[in-house]
Protein backbone atom coordinates (compact mmCIF):
# COMPACT_ATOMS: atom_id res chain seq x y z
CA MET A 1 10.63 124.68 1.72
CA LYS A 2 7.53 122.64 2.76
CA PRO A 3 6.71 121.96 6.54
CA VAL A 4 7.56 118.90 8.20
CA LYS A 5 5.10 117.22 10.84
CA VAL A 6 7.14 116.36 14.24
CA PRO A 7 5.98 113.13 15.83
CA GLN A 8 5.01 114.04 19.16
CA HIS A 9 3.97 110.82 20.97
CA LEU A 10 7.66 109.77 21.15
CA ASP A 11 7.35 108.28 24.76
CA LEU A 12 5.17 105.65 24.12
CA GLU A 13 6.06 101.96 25.42
CA ASP A 14 6.99 99.61 22.94
CA VAL A 15 4.66 96.70 22.35
CA LEU A 16 6.46 93.22 22.28
CA ALA A 17 3.56 90.98 22.16
CA TRP A 18 -0.52 90.98 22.33
CA GLY A 19 -0.49 94.45 22.64
CA LEU A 20 1.53 94.45 26.21
CA GLY A 21 5.16 96.14 26.85
CA ALA A 22 8.00 94.63 28.36
CA VAL A 23 7.03 95.57 32.05
CA ASP A 24 3.72 94.37 31.41
CA LEU A 25 5.12 91.14 30.01
CA LEU A 26 7.64 90.81 33.05
CA TYR A 27 4.80 91.14 35.73
CA LEU A 28 3.04 88.49 34.15
CA SER A 29 5.57 86.13 33.56
CA VAL A 30 6.92 86.20 36.90
CA ALA A 31 3.09 85.98 38.45
CA GLY A 32 3.00 83.00 36.08
CA LEU A 33 5.87 81.52 37.09
CA ILE A 34 5.14 81.94 40.86
CA ALA A 35 1.75 80.55 40.41
CA TRP A 36 3.02 77.39 38.32
CA TRP A 37 5.39 77.00 41.17
CA LEU A 38 2.88 77.45 43.72
CA TRP A 39 0.29 74.80 41.79
CA MET A 40 3.03 72.20 41.73
CA SER A 41 4.24 72.42 45.35
CA ILE A 42 1.06 72.09 46.82
CA SER A 43 -1.04 68.95 46.25
CA LEU A 44 -4.60 69.25 47.19
CA LEU A 45 -6.90 71.40 45.08
CA PRO A 46 -8.60 73.76 47.03
CA PHE A 47 -5.26 74.72 48.74
CA ARG A 48 -3.80 75.27 45.33
CA LEU A 49 -6.45 77.60 43.72
CA ALA A 50 -6.68 79.58 47.36
CA ALA A 51 -2.49 80.02 46.84
CA VAL A 52 -2.44 80.45 43.28
CA THR A 53 -5.70 82.86 42.75
CA PRO A 54 -4.21 85.80 44.45
CA VAL A 55 -0.31 85.50 42.76
CA VAL A 56 -2.61 85.62 39.47
CA LEU A 57 -4.53 88.55 40.18
CA ILE A 58 -1.70 90.45 41.43
CA GLY A 59 0.37 89.98 38.36
CA ALA A 60 -2.75 90.72 36.44
CA LEU A 61 -3.50 93.90 37.73
CA LEU A 62 -0.04 95.20 38.13
CA GLY A 63 0.45 94.16 34.69
CA PRO A 64 -1.76 95.13 32.21
CA GLY A 65 -3.90 96.57 34.62
CA SER A 66 -4.75 100.46 34.23
CA PHE A 67 -7.17 103.00 35.28
CA GLN A 68 -8.00 106.28 33.75
CA GLU A 69 -5.43 105.87 31.29
CA ARG A 70 -2.42 105.38 33.54
CA ALA A 71 -0.84 101.67 34.99
CA LEU A 72 -1.67 100.48 38.50
CA ARG A 73 1.40 100.47 39.46
CA ASP A 74 1.98 104.32 38.56
CA TRP A 75 -1.08 105.01 40.80
CA LEU A 76 0.77 102.41 43.77
CA VAL A 77 3.53 104.77 43.15
CA THR A 78 1.85 107.78 43.29
CA LEU A 79 -0.19 107.05 46.71
CA ALA A 80 3.11 105.45 47.97
CA THR A 81 4.73 108.87 47.73
CA TYR A 82 1.47 110.81 48.72
CA ARG A 83 1.80 108.64 52.37
CA ALA A 84 5.40 108.87 52.78
CA ARG A 85 5.74 112.76 52.85
CA PRO A 86 6.14 114.34 55.96
CA ARG A 87 2.97 115.81 57.66
CA ARG A 88 2.52 118.27 60.98
CA ARG A 89 -0.88 118.51 62.59
CA VAL A 90 -1.38 122.16 63.66
CA PHE A 91 -4.38 122.14 66.15
CA GLY A 92 -4.20 126.15 66.80
CA GLY A 93 -2.67 129.54 64.99
CA GLU A 94 0.48 130.62 65.66
CA PRO A 95 0.59 132.83 68.93
């Protein structure tokens, strides 16, 4: 009997379009819809740009943005769980 190679990378994210997964596309599309709504709601160009730019940047960072091969949204979850854990300050040794 011949040995068979078993795939080891079964937990990879499915690519839907433009090299992006479903969650990435969801973040980008929601940010795009919010940015479009803001663009259509505000009449003056400087205010439009000031309102739309942060929304687009947040959508781009949380969607396909990554750091050290991890998505930035995963880094944010890790940071939030670290900051939410209970702490106790000890100013001296136990008597």
